[in-house]
Protein backbone atom coordinates (compact mmCIF):
# COMPACT_ATOMS: atom_id res chain seq x y z
CA MET A 1 78.67 17.62 47.88
CA SER A 2 75.02 17.19 48.87
CA VAL A 3 74.00 19.42 45.98
CA SER A 4 75.94 17.22 43.55
CA LEU A 5 74.24 14.04 44.86
CA THR A 6 70.86 15.67 44.56
CA ALA A 7 71.54 16.61 40.95
CA GLU A 8 72.66 13.05 40.22
CA LYS A 9 69.44 11.64 41.69
CA THR A 10 67.41 14.04 39.62
CA ARG A 11 69.15 12.94 36.43
CA HIS A 12 68.45 9.30 37.28
CA LEU A 13 64.80 10.07 37.98
CA LEU A 14 64.36 11.95 34.71
CA LEU A 15 66.06 9.17 32.78
CA GLY A 16 63.76 6.60 34.35
CA LEU A 17 60.72 8.69 33.57
CA ALA A 18 61.78 9.07 29.94
CA ILE A 19 62.26 5.32 29.62
CA LEU A 20 58.80 4.73 31.13
CA ILE A 21 57.13 7.22 28.77
CA ALA A 22 58.91 5.69 25.79
CA GLY A 23 57.67 2.29 26.86
CA LEU A 24 54.11 3.48 27.16
CA ILE A 25 54.28 5.11 23.75
CA GLY A 26 55.61 1.91 22.31
CA LEU A 27 52.72 -0.04 23.82
CA ALA A 28 50.11 2.49 22.60
CA ALA A 29 51.32 2.70 19.06
CA PRO A 30 49.95 -0.69 17.88
CA ALA A 31 46.56 -0.03 19.52
CA GLN A 32 46.33 3.37 17.88
CA ALA A 33 47.28 1.85 14.56
CA GLN A 34 44.47 -0.68 14.92
CA VAL A 35 41.93 2.06 15.61
CA THR A 36 43.18 4.03 12.63
CA ALA A 37 43.01 1.00 10.32
CA PHE A 38 39.41 0.28 11.43
CA LYS A 39 38.28 3.85 10.90
CA GLN A 40 39.99 4.12 7.54
CA ALA A 41 38.24 0.95 6.37
CA VAL A 42 34.88 2.29 7.60
CA ALA A 43 35.43 5.59 5.80
CA GLU A 44 36.43 3.88 2.56
CA ALA A 45 33.55 1.40 2.54
CA ALA A 46 30.95 3.97 3.64
CA ALA A 47 32.03 6.39 0.90
CA GLN A 48 30.03 4.30 -1.58
CA ASP A 49 26.77 5.38 0.14
CA ALA A 50 26.29 9.05 1.00
CA ASP A 51 23.76 8.41 3.79
CA ILE A 52 25.88 5.78 5.51
CA ALA A 53 29.00 7.90 5.05
CA ALA A 54 27.29 10.87 6.70
CA PHE A 55 26.32 8.75 9.71
CA TYR A 56 29.82 7.44 10.30
CA LYS A 57 31.46 10.82 9.70
CA ALA A 58 29.21 12.41 12.32
CA GLY A 59 30.23 9.69 14.78
CA GLY A 60 33.95 9.94 14.16
CA TYR A 61 33.87 6.63 12.25
CA GLU A 62 33.21 4.67 15.42
CA GLY A 63 31.46 1.32 14.99
CA ILE A 64 28.03 0.27 16.25
CA TRP A 65 28.04 -3.39 15.21
CA THR A 66 31.43 -5.06 15.45
CA GLY A 67 32.61 -4.21 18.95
CA ALA A 68 32.80 -6.78 21.76
CA ASP A 69 30.68 -4.77 24.18
CA ARG A 70 27.09 -5.56 25.19
CA GLN A 71 25.46 -2.90 22.99
CA ASP A 72 27.14 -4.04 19.77
CA THR A 73 26.34 -7.66 20.58
CA GLN A 74 22.65 -6.82 21.10
CA ARG A 75 22.51 -4.92 17.82
CA ARG A 76 24.01 -7.81 15.88
CA ARG A 77 21.61 -10.28 17.44
CA ALA A 78 18.62 -8.02 16.73
CA LEU A 79 19.66 -7.58 13.09
CA PHE A 80 20.09 -11.29 12.42
CA LYS A 81 16.83 -12.03 14.20
CA ALA A 82 15.03 -9.49 11.99
CA ILE A 83 16.57 -11.01 8.87
CA ALA A 84 15.45 -14.47 10.01
CA GLU A 85 11.90 -13.16 10.42
CA ALA A 86 11.83 -11.24 7.11
CA ASP A 87 10.01 -14.09 5.38
CA LEU A 88 7.20 -13.87 7.94
CA HIS A 89 6.51 -10.36 6.62
CA GLY A 90 6.64 -11.47 2.99
CA LEU A 91 10.02 -9.79 2.50
CA PRO A 92 12.93 -11.12 0.39
CA ALA A 93 15.14 -12.71 3.06
CA ARG A 94 17.83 -13.65 0.54
CA ARG A 95 18.30 -9.96 -0.29
CA TYR A 96 19.80 -9.44 3.18
CA ASP A 97 22.24 -12.38 2.86
CA ALA A 98 22.55 -13.42 6.51
CA PRO A 99 24.98 -16.29 5.71
CA GLY A 100 27.28 -13.92 3.83
CA LEU A 101 27.27 -11.37 6.64
CA LYS A 102 27.99 -14.02 9.27
CA ALA A 103 30.84 -15.40 7.20
CA GLN A 104 32.29 -11.91 6.77
CA LEU A 105 32.11 -11.30 10.52
CA ALA A 106 33.73 -14.62 11.32
CA ALA A 107 36.59 -13.89 8.93
CA ALA A 108 37.14 -10.32 10.20
CA ARG A 109 40.38 -10.92 12.13
CA THR A 110 42.07 -7.63 11.28
CA PRO A 111 40.93 -4.09 12.07
CA ARG A 112 40.51 -3.37 8.37
CA ALA A 113 38.37 -6.47 7.79
CA ARG A 114 36.30 -5.55 10.84
CA GLY A 115 35.76 -2.04 9.45
CA LEU A 116 34.55 -3.46 6.14
CA ALA A 117 32.20 -5.83 7.97
CA GLU A 118 30.91 -2.90 10.04
CA VAL A 119 29.73 -1.04 6.95
CA ALA A 120 28.34 -4.21 5.34
CA LEU A 121 26.11 -4.67 8.39
CA SER A 122 24.95 -1.06 8.22
CA ARG A 123 24.20 -1.33 4.52
CA THR A 124 22.09 -4.43 5.05
CA PHE A 125 20.40 -2.91 8.10
CA VAL A 126 19.31 0.23 6.21
CA GLU A 127 17.84 -1.82 3.36
CA LEU A 128 16.01 -4.19 5.70
CA ALA A 129 14.70 -1.35 7.87
CA ARG A 130 13.34 0.56 4.89
CA ASN A 131 11.81 -2.58 3.38
CA MET A 132 10.09 -3.43 6.67
CA GLN A 133 8.70 0.07 7.00
CA THR A 134 7.77 1.13 3.47
CA GLY A 135 8.07 -1.91 1.20
CA ALA A 136 10.54 -4.00 -0.75
CA VAL A 137 9.60 -2.81 -4.26
CA ILE A 138 8.77 0.59 -5.73
CA PRO A 139 5.09 0.81 -6.80
CA ARG A 140 5.41 3.36 -9.59
CA LYS A 141 7.89 1.07 -11.36
CA ILE A 142 5.34 -1.76 -11.38
CA ASP A 143 2.16 -0.10 -12.62
CA SER A 144 1.58 3.47 -13.78
CA GLY A 145 -1.79 3.46 -12.02
CA ILE A 146 -0.15 3.16 -8.61
CA VAL A 147 0.68 6.80 -8.03
CA ARG A 148 0.79 6.57 -4.25
CA LYS A 149 3.40 8.71 -2.49
CA VAL A 150 5.18 6.18 -0.30
CA PRO A 151 6.20 7.85 3.00
CA TYR A 152 9.90 7.05 2.72
CA ARG A 153 12.04 8.12 5.67
CA ALA A 154 15.58 9.46 5.30
CA ARG A 155 17.94 6.48 5.08
CA SER A 156 20.45 8.02 7.46
CA SER A 157 17.73 8.40 10.10
CA TYR A 158 17.51 4.63 10.48
CA LEU A 159 21.11 4.39 11.66
CA VAL A 160 20.88 7.47 13.86
CA ASN A 161 17.70 6.32 15.61
CA PHE A 162 18.77 2.68 15.84
CA SER A 163 22.09 3.59 17.51
CA LYS A 164 20.11 5.37 20.25
CA SER A 165 17.34 2.78 20.69
CA ASP A 166 16.68 -0.62 22.14
CA PRO A 167 17.53 -2.81 19.10
CA ASP A 168 14.65 -5.28 19.37
CA ALA A 169 12.08 -2.55 20.08
CA PHE A 170 13.35 -0.57 17.08
CA PHE A 171 12.73 -3.47 14.70
CA ARG A 172 9.30 -4.19 16.19
CA ALA A 173 8.22 -0.60 15.54
CA LEU A 174 9.19 -0.55 11.85
CA PRO A 175 6.25 -2.36 10.15
CA PRO A 176 2.78 -0.80 10.08
CA GLN A 177 1.27 -0.93 13.56
CA THR A 178 -2.28 -1.26 12.23
CA PRO A 179 -4.66 -4.07 13.21
CA GLU A 180 -4.97 -4.86 9.49
CA TYR A 181 -1.25 -5.52 9.12
CA MET A 182 -1.18 -7.71 12.23
CA ARG A 183 -4.18 -9.71 10.99
CA LEU A 184 -2.57 -10.15 7.57
CA LEU A 185 0.55 -11.55 9.24
CA LYS A 186 -1.61 -14.02 11.12
CA ALA A 187 -3.52 -14.93 7.96
CA LYS A 188 -0.27 -15.59 6.11
CA LEU A 189 0.88 -17.92 8.87
CA ASP A 190 -2.52 -19.63 9.03
CA PHE A 191 -2.53 -20.32 5.29
CA GLU A 192 1.01 -21.66 5.39
CA ARG A 193 0.10 -24.04 8.23
CA ARG A 194 -3.28 -25.08 6.86
CA GLY A 195 -2.27 -26.62 3.56
CA GLY A 196 -4.28 -26.68 0.34
CA PHE A 197 -8.00 -26.92 -0.31
CA GLY A 198 -8.01 -30.33 -1.95
CA PRO A 199 -9.27 -31.30 -5.43
CA LYS A 200 -11.00 -28.62 -7.49
CA VAL A 201 -14.72 -28.77 -8.22
CA PRO A 202 -15.16 -30.52 -11.61
CA ALA A 203 -18.19 -28.54 -12.75
CA LYS A 204 -19.00 -25.25 -14.46
CA SER A 205 -21.93 -24.60 -12.13
CA LEU A 206 -23.97 -26.32 -9.43
CA LYS A 207 -27.23 -25.45 -7.73
CA PRO A 208 -29.35 -26.57 -4.76
CA GLY A 209 -31.05 -29.90 -5.26
CA GLN A 210 -28.25 -31.44 -7.29
CA SER A 211 -26.12 -34.35 -6.07
CA GLY A 212 -23.15 -36.39 -7.21
CA ASP A 213 -19.36 -36.34 -7.22
CA ALA A 214 -19.08 -32.66 -8.19
CA VAL A 215 -21.31 -31.65 -5.27
CA VAL A 216 -19.17 -33.78 -2.94
CA ALA A 217 -16.05 -32.02 -4.29
CA LEU A 218 -17.75 -28.65 -3.66
CA ARG A 219 -18.64 -29.67 -0.12
CA ASN A 220 -15.12 -30.98 0.57
CA ARG A 221 -13.47 -27.84 -0.75
CA LEU A 222 -15.66 -25.52 1.32
CA THR A 223 -14.98 -27.72 4.35
CA ALA A 224 -11.23 -27.37 3.78
CA MET A 225 -11.69 -23.59 3.63
CA GLY A 226 -13.54 -23.60 6.93
CA TYR A 227 -17.02 -22.76 5.64
CA MET A 228 -18.73 -25.88 6.97
CA GLY A 229 -18.15 -28.98 9.06
CA HIS A 230 -17.37 -32.42 7.70
CA SER A 231 -20.22 -34.28 6.03
CA ALA A 232 -20.58 -37.31 3.77
CA SER A 233 -23.79 -36.08 2.13
CA PRO A 234 -23.69 -36.07 -1.70
CA ALA A 235 -26.58 -33.57 -1.91
CA TYR A 236 -26.55 -29.80 -2.48
CA ASP A 237 -28.67 -29.26 0.64
CA GLY A 238 -29.45 -26.28 2.85
CA ARG A 239 -26.19 -26.51 4.78
CA LEU A 240 -24.14 -26.46 1.61
CA GLN A 241 -26.20 -23.58 0.21
CA LYS A 242 -25.56 -21.57 3.37
CA ALA A 243 -21.82 -22.27 3.11
CA VAL A 244 -21.84 -21.15 -0.53
CA GLN A 245 -23.62 -17.93 0.45
CA GLN A 246 -21.03 -17.17 3.13
CA PHE A 247 -18.24 -17.83 0.65
CA GLN A 248 -19.93 -15.45 -1.79
CA THR A 249 -20.17 -12.76 0.88
CA ASP A 250 -16.48 -13.11 1.70
CA HIS A 251 -15.52 -12.86 -1.97
CA GLY A 252 -17.73 -10.00 -3.11
CA LEU A 253 -20.08 -12.18 -5.17
CA GLU A 254 -23.85 -12.19 -5.53
CA THR A 255 -25.09 -14.05 -2.45
CA ASP A 256 -27.71 -16.28 -4.04
CA GLY A 257 -26.33 -19.58 -2.72
CA VAL A 258 -25.99 -20.89 -6.26
CA ALA A 259 -22.50 -22.03 -7.28
CA GLY A 260 -22.55 -20.41 -10.70
CA SER A 261 -19.57 -20.14 -13.02
CA THR A 262 -18.03 -17.12 -11.24
CA THR A 263 -18.49 -18.68 -7.81
CA ILE A 264 -16.99 -21.99 -8.97
CA THR A 265 -14.03 -20.11 -10.47
CA GLU A 266 -13.39 -18.38 -7.16
CA ILE A 267 -13.85 -21.57 -5.14
CA ASN A 268 -11.31 -23.29 -7.40
CA LYS A 269 -8.69 -20.60 -6.81
CA SER A 270 -5.76 -22.31 -5.14
CA ALA A 271 -4.56 -21.67 -1.61
CA ASP A 272 -1.30 -20.53 -3.21
CA ASP A 273 -3.23 -17.86 -5.14
CA ARG A 274 -4.83 -16.65 -1.91
CA LEU A 275 -1.48 -16.63 -0.14
CA ARG A 276 0.00 -14.48 -2.90
CA SER A 277 -2.84 -11.98 -2.39
CA ILE A 278 -2.07 -11.83 1.33
CA ILE A 279 1.65 -11.25 0.73
CA VAL A 280 0.87 -8.49 -1.78
CA ALA A 281 -1.54 -6.93 0.73
CA LEU A 282 1.27 -6.84 3.32
CA GLU A 283 3.46 -4.98 0.85
CA ARG A 284 0.65 -2.57 0.03
CA GLU A 285 0.13 -1.85 3.74
CA ARG A 286 3.81 -0.95 4.01
CA TRP A 287 3.48 1.48 1.09
CA ASN A 288 0.85 3.36 3.09
CA ASN A 289 2.58 3.17 6.46
CA GLN A 290 1.51 6.54 7.83
CA ASP A 291 -1.20 8.15 9.89
CA ARG A 292 -4.34 7.85 7.76
CA GLY A 293 -6.39 10.27 9.82
CA GLN A 294 -8.71 9.84 12.79
CA ARG A 295 -11.52 10.31 10.28
CA HIS A 296 -10.83 9.30 6.69
CA VAL A 297 -12.49 8.00 3.56
CA LEU A 298 -11.35 4.61 2.27
CA VAL A 299 -12.17 3.52 -1.27
CA ASN A 300 -11.19 -0.04 -2.19
CA ILE A 301 -11.23 -0.31 -5.98
CA THR A 302 -11.49 -4.12 -6.06
CA ASP A 303 -14.35 -4.16 -3.53
CA TYR A 304 -16.33 -1.44 -5.37
CA SER A 305 -16.97 0.27 -2.04
CA ALA A 306 -16.40 3.56 -0.24
CA ARG A 307 -16.30 3.88 3.52
CA ILE A 308 -16.01 6.59 6.14
CA ILE A 309 -13.74 5.46 8.96
CA ASP A 310 -13.92 7.12 12.37
CA ASP A 311 -11.39 6.09 15.03
CA GLY A 312 -10.76 2.81 13.25
CA LYS A 313 -14.45 1.89 12.86
CA VAL A 314 -16.59 1.97 9.71
CA THR A 315 -19.36 4.51 10.32
CA PHE A 316 -20.68 4.67 6.76
CA ARG A 317 -20.40 2.39 3.74
CA THR A 318 -21.81 2.54 0.23
CA ARG A 319 -21.35 0.72 -3.04
CA SER A 320 -19.25 2.37 -5.71
CA VAL A 321 -18.51 2.24 -9.41
CA VAL A 322 -14.84 2.59 -10.38
CA GLY A 323 -12.85 3.06 -13.56
CA ALA A 324 -13.33 0.61 -16.40
CA THR A 325 -10.62 -1.94 -17.17
CA ASN A 326 -9.51 -0.06 -20.30
CA TYR A 327 -5.94 1.08 -19.69
CA ASP A 328 -6.79 4.80 -19.88
CA ARG A 329 -9.84 4.54 -17.61
CA ARG A 330 -8.53 2.66 -14.60
CA THR A 331 -8.88 4.43 -11.27
CA PRO A 332 -5.44 5.33 -9.91
CA GLU A 333 -4.33 4.56 -6.36
CA PHE A 334 -3.33 7.55 -4.24
CA SER A 335 -4.12 9.54 -1.12
CA ASP A 336 -5.25 13.15 -0.87
CA VAL A 337 -7.42 15.39 1.27
CA MET A 338 -11.12 16.15 0.72
CA GLU A 339 -11.69 19.88 1.15
CA HIS A 340 -15.23 20.55 -0.07
CA MET A 341 -18.28 19.26 -1.87
CA VAL A 342 -20.19 20.82 -4.76
CA ILE A 343 -23.97 20.54 -4.77
CA ASN A 344 -25.63 20.77 -8.20
CA PRO A 345 -22.25 20.55 -9.95
CA THR A 346 -21.41 21.54 -13.48
CA TRP A 347 -19.55 18.82 -15.35
CA ASN A 348 -16.42 20.19 -16.95
CA VAL A 349 -15.78 17.48 -19.50
CA PRO A 350 -12.10 16.44 -19.40
CA ARG A 351 -10.33 17.24 -22.67
CA SER A 352 -9.49 13.58 -23.26
CA ILE A 353 -13.20 12.68 -23.16
CA ALA A 354 -14.18 15.75 -25.16
CA THR A 355 -11.82 14.95 -28.04
CA LYS A 356 -11.94 11.14 -27.98
CA GLU A 357 -15.65 10.63 -27.43
CA TYR A 358 -17.73 13.73 -28.11
CA LEU A 359 -15.83 15.35 -30.98
CA PRO A 360 -16.21 12.27 -33.25
CA GLN A 361 -19.94 12.26 -32.48
CA MET A 362 -20.26 15.97 -33.33
CA LYS A 363 -18.29 15.52 -36.54
CA ARG A 364 -20.88 12.97 -37.62
CA ASN A 365 -23.79 15.01 -36.27
CA PRO A 366 -23.25 18.58 -35.01
CA ASN A 367 -26.27 18.25 -32.72
CA ALA A 368 -25.08 15.06 -31.02
CA ALA A 369 -24.83 15.08 -27.21
CA GLY A 370 -27.24 18.00 -27.07
CA HIS A 371 -27.08 18.13 -23.26
CA LEU A 372 -23.56 19.55 -23.53
CA ARG A 373 -22.55 23.16 -24.18
CA LEU A 374 -19.41 24.42 -25.90
CA TYR A 375 -17.52 27.46 -24.58
CA ASP A 376 -14.75 29.51 -26.17
CA ALA A 377 -11.58 30.70 -24.42
CA ARG A 378 -13.45 33.75 -23.04
CA GLY A 379 -16.15 31.59 -21.45
CA ARG A 380 -18.88 32.39 -23.99
CA VAL A 381 -21.33 29.76 -25.22
CA VAL A 382 -20.67 28.99 -28.89
CA PRO A 383 -23.65 27.88 -31.04
CA ARG A 384 -22.93 24.62 -32.79
CA SER A 385 -24.20 26.13 -36.04
CA ALA A 386 -21.17 28.44 -35.96
CA ILE A 387 -18.66 25.58 -35.76
CA ASP A 388 -17.15 23.66 -38.68
CA PHE A 389 -16.53 20.37 -36.89
CA ALA A 390 -14.97 18.81 -39.99
CA LYS A 391 -11.88 21.01 -39.53
CA LEU A 392 -11.37 20.04 -35.89
CA ASN A 393 -9.31 17.27 -34.36
CA ALA A 394 -7.86 16.35 -30.98
CA ARG A 395 -4.94 18.77 -31.43
CA ASN A 396 -6.78 21.90 -32.55
CA PHE A 397 -10.12 21.53 -30.72
CA PRO A 398 -10.48 25.02 -29.15
CA PHE A 399 -13.54 24.61 -26.96
CA ASP A 400 -14.38 23.62 -23.40
CA ILE A 401 -17.36 21.33 -23.07
CA LYS A 402 -19.61 21.57 -20.04
CA GLN A 403 -22.85 20.08 -18.80
CA PRO A 404 -24.97 22.42 -16.62
CA PRO A 405 -26.41 21.20 -13.29
CA SER A 406 -29.41 18.89 -13.70
CA GLN A 407 -30.78 15.49 -12.80
CA ARG A 408 -29.13 14.18 -15.98
CA ASN A 409 -25.71 15.63 -15.20
CA ALA A 410 -22.99 12.98 -15.47
CA LEU A 411 -21.86 13.90 -11.95
CA GLY A 412 -25.37 13.59 -10.57
CA LEU A 413 -26.33 16.15 -7.94
CA VAL A 414 -23.21 16.27 -5.77
CA LYS A 415 -19.48 15.73 -6.08
CA PHE A 416 -16.82 15.46 -3.37
CA MET A 417 -13.56 17.20 -4.12
CA PHE A 418 -9.99 16.40 -3.09
CA PRO A 419 -8.13 18.40 -5.75
CA ASN A 420 -5.50 16.28 -7.48
CA LYS A 421 -3.63 16.24 -10.78
CA TYR A 422 -5.39 13.03 -11.83
CA ASN A 423 -8.80 14.77 -11.92
CA ILE A 424 -10.31 12.03 -9.77
CA TYR A 425 -13.11 12.65 -7.28
CA LEU A 426 -16.19 10.99 -5.75
CA HIS A 427 -19.61 11.84 -7.15
CA ASP A 428 -23.24 10.97 -7.70
CA THR A 429 -24.46 9.54 -11.01
CA PRO A 430 -27.77 9.27 -12.87
CA GLN A 431 -26.85 5.69 -13.88
CA LYS A 432 -28.21 4.05 -10.73
CA SER A 433 -28.71 0.61 -12.30
CA LEU A 434 -24.97 -0.04 -12.39
CA PHE A 435 -24.83 -0.37 -8.60
CA SER A 436 -26.86 -3.57 -8.69
CA ARG A 437 -24.19 -5.34 -10.70
CA GLU A 438 -21.65 -7.65 -9.13
CA THR A 439 -18.72 -6.17 -11.07
CA ARG A 440 -18.80 -2.37 -11.19
CA ALA A 441 -15.88 -1.11 -13.28
CA PHE A 442 -17.59 1.28 -15.71
CA SER A 443 -16.46 4.88 -15.13
CA HIS A 444 -13.79 6.99 -16.81
CA GLY A 445 -11.75 6.80 -13.59
CA CYS A 446 -13.73 8.74 -11.00
CA VAL A 447 -15.55 6.94 -8.18
CA ARG A 448 -19.35 7.02 -8.34
CA LEU A 449 -21.32 6.53 -5.12
CA ASN A 450 -24.57 4.63 -4.71
CA GLN A 451 -25.69 6.75 -1.73
CA PRO A 452 -24.11 10.14 -2.33
CA PHE A 453 -26.67 12.11 -0.31
CA GLU A 454 -26.17 9.93 2.77
CA PHE A 455 -22.41 10.21 2.25
CA ALA A 456 -22.80 14.00 2.29
CA TYR A 457 -24.93 13.91 5.45
CA ALA A 458 -22.25 11.86 7.22
CA LEU A 459 -19.52 14.32 6.23
CA LEU A 460 -21.61 17.36 7.23
CA ALA A 461 -22.75 15.87 10.55
CA ARG A 462 -19.66 17.22 12.29
CA GLN A 463 -20.35 20.81 11.29
CA GLU A 464 -24.13 21.10 10.90
CA ALA A 465 -26.83 20.48 13.50
CA ASP A 466 -29.18 19.18 10.80
CA PRO A 467 -26.95 18.03 7.92
CA LYS A 468 -29.81 16.65 5.84
CA ALA A 469 -31.79 19.88 5.94
CA PHE A 470 -28.63 21.91 5.28
CA PHE A 471 -27.82 19.79 2.22
CA HIS A 472 -31.30 19.86 0.70
CA ALA A 473 -31.72 23.59 1.22
CA ARG A 474 -28.84 24.08 -1.22
CA LEU A 475 -29.84 21.23 -3.48
CA ASP A 476 -33.33 22.64 -3.94
CA THR A 477 -32.00 25.92 -5.37
CA GLY A 478 -30.80 24.06 -8.46
CA ARG A 479 -27.72 26.30 -8.45
CA GLU A 480 -24.15 25.11 -8.19
CA THR A 481 -23.06 25.59 -4.57
CA LYS A 482 -19.68 24.92 -3.02
CA VAL A 483 -19.71 23.75 0.61
CA ASP A 484 -16.38 23.73 2.43
CA LEU A 485 -15.64 21.07 4.99
CA GLU A 486 -14.57 22.70 8.22
CA GLN A 487 -12.23 19.78 8.83
CA ASP A 488 -10.37 18.32 5.86
CA VAL A 489 -10.87 14.58 5.46
CA PRO A 490 -8.05 12.37 4.11
CA VAL A 491 -9.10 10.14 1.21
CA HIS A 492 -7.25 6.91 0.50
CA ILE A 493 -7.97 5.12 -2.76
CA ILE A 494 -6.55 1.65 -2.35
CA TYR A 495 -6.52 -1.61 -4.29
CA ARG A 496 -6.69 -4.67 -2.09
CA THR A 497 -7.58 -8.21 -3.15
CA ALA A 498 -7.09 -9.53 0.40
CA VAL A 499 -8.73 -7.74 3.32
CA THR A 500 -9.04 -9.03 6.87
CA GLN A 501 -11.98 -8.72 9.23
CA ALA A 502 -11.78 -7.93 12.94
CA LYS A 503 -13.66 -11.19 13.41
CA GLY A 504 -13.94 -13.84 10.74
CA ARG A 505 -12.11 -14.99 7.66
CA VAL A 506 -9.96 -13.08 5.23
CA ASN A 507 -12.06 -11.61 2.42
CA PHE A 508 -10.74 -11.85 -1.14
CA ARG A 509 -11.56 -9.88 -4.26
CA ARG A 510 -10.73 -10.30 -7.93
CA ASP A 511 -7.66 -8.60 -9.39
CA VAL A 512 -9.77 -6.43 -11.69
CA TYR A 513 -6.85 -4.46 -13.21
CA GLY A 514 -4.20 -7.20 -12.86
CA ARG A 515 -2.13 -4.98 -10.59
CA ASP A 516 -1.63 -7.49 -7.80
CA ALA A 517 -0.34 -10.07 -10.27
CA ARG A 518 2.31 -7.59 -11.40
CA ILE A 519 3.22 -6.73 -7.81
CA TRP A 520 3.64 -10.41 -6.98
CA ASP A 521 5.94 -10.86 -9.99
CA ALA A 522 8.03 -7.90 -8.81
CA LEU A 523 8.24 -9.32 -5.28
CA ALA A 524 9.22 -12.74 -6.60
CA ASP A 525 11.91 -11.14 -8.76
CA VAL A 526 13.61 -9.62 -5.69
CA GLY A 527 13.44 -12.87 -3.75
CA VAL A 528 10.11 -13.09 -1.94
CA VAL A 529 9.36 -16.80 -1.55
CA LEU A 530 5.96 -18.44 -1.58
CA ARG A 531 5.78 -21.33 0.84
CA SER A 532 3.53 -23.48 -1.32
CA VAL A 533 0.59 -24.88 0.62
CA GLU A 534 -0.79 -27.06 -2.16
CA GLY A 535 0.85 -30.29 -0.98
């Protein structure tokens, strides 16, 4: 009897347990269905982007944005804060569509809608993160002379690293962390707060000793720019001359204190024009957002200068001549690594110059350009008397043209090599008079240096006890000599019409090749907004 009762109790217990389990399963089923619907929506939406899809697949299609927990909330806040600040960086805020994302989040009342919103946030985040780090437009699509290799990071890495980082700190670390970038941000804000420069100067030129309304306009405009204090004087006096000279220094002009036509043109440039240059400079900094080297060479095409930078400080500077404004002579923008210098170099005339410039001369006069020698495919000198130039053209010209080492060599007495497919390098030149000019765009593309010997001494100082004596011992032989640099030096050829100073005003340069104008147009096309300051 007791056994029968025990069996009955057991049956009742098992039945109760089954009912309980069934109830729990019934409760869990809707929750599981919600999870499944969310993940399916994430998978479907992410499938349109391979990088985003890979991130979510690796994480089991879990969300990082749309949850109710503290981490997801912080990520959302950090993203919308970064979008709100995009304009401060000169980025196209409308591209990231914060109102649309917020509306999509607010309307996401089902697991599927939440999954779609999840991927929309990730898609916007990846685009914003890449734009903040390496630019909003692609340089090679804007101008063929911008051949810089932008250091793009893998798109999926943004999501992976962000999901493991402090959200606000992650966004702060994306833009270039250089003093130049930070100063450009400040300059942009300063210009936007300052307002315009007032009426333009109604004169073609002005000089010390003059007076009148045009001089007053000049004084007022320089005052608005911060070059002098307020004054009611109508005269072009010493104070005004000093202000003009400082303006000329800051704008790469001849510092004679005379407001000639070029100086007046630059003074009459609007604050909006200057602000555009600053915004373009921010974008250019993002294109080169990488370690530039503890020691590196910096050539700014628009400034006609070359510098050696050591630990962030300029340790050597010289004037330069850059490529002419002709389309096929403009100096390209890129970075490479200087490996050696050649003392007493031979000039191997590029084929384009040989066939476009020298061949027509030789067809008219076989003895033209007598300082050059012609070589056949086996490296033998070919006498000009043995050549029928009339039968030759750019397609069938079979010779190499070279100029032996000499004081008259087109490369001067030393060249600095960072081998590249553009055949661009730094070198000396016998045409010293060009360095005294205000505008120095005259070469076929290479960068000529005003003080090439001193440049060589500075480079050799790290590997030779007496770099000057070392250099001249090889120079004096008259023979071509290759000297390797024991430590390669990165070379960055840049194009900047707005450059900041550690102390002082922003310096501006003319857009000699028109590249910055094209970059601004591209930025405006994708939604970068200029906060006009001309009111």
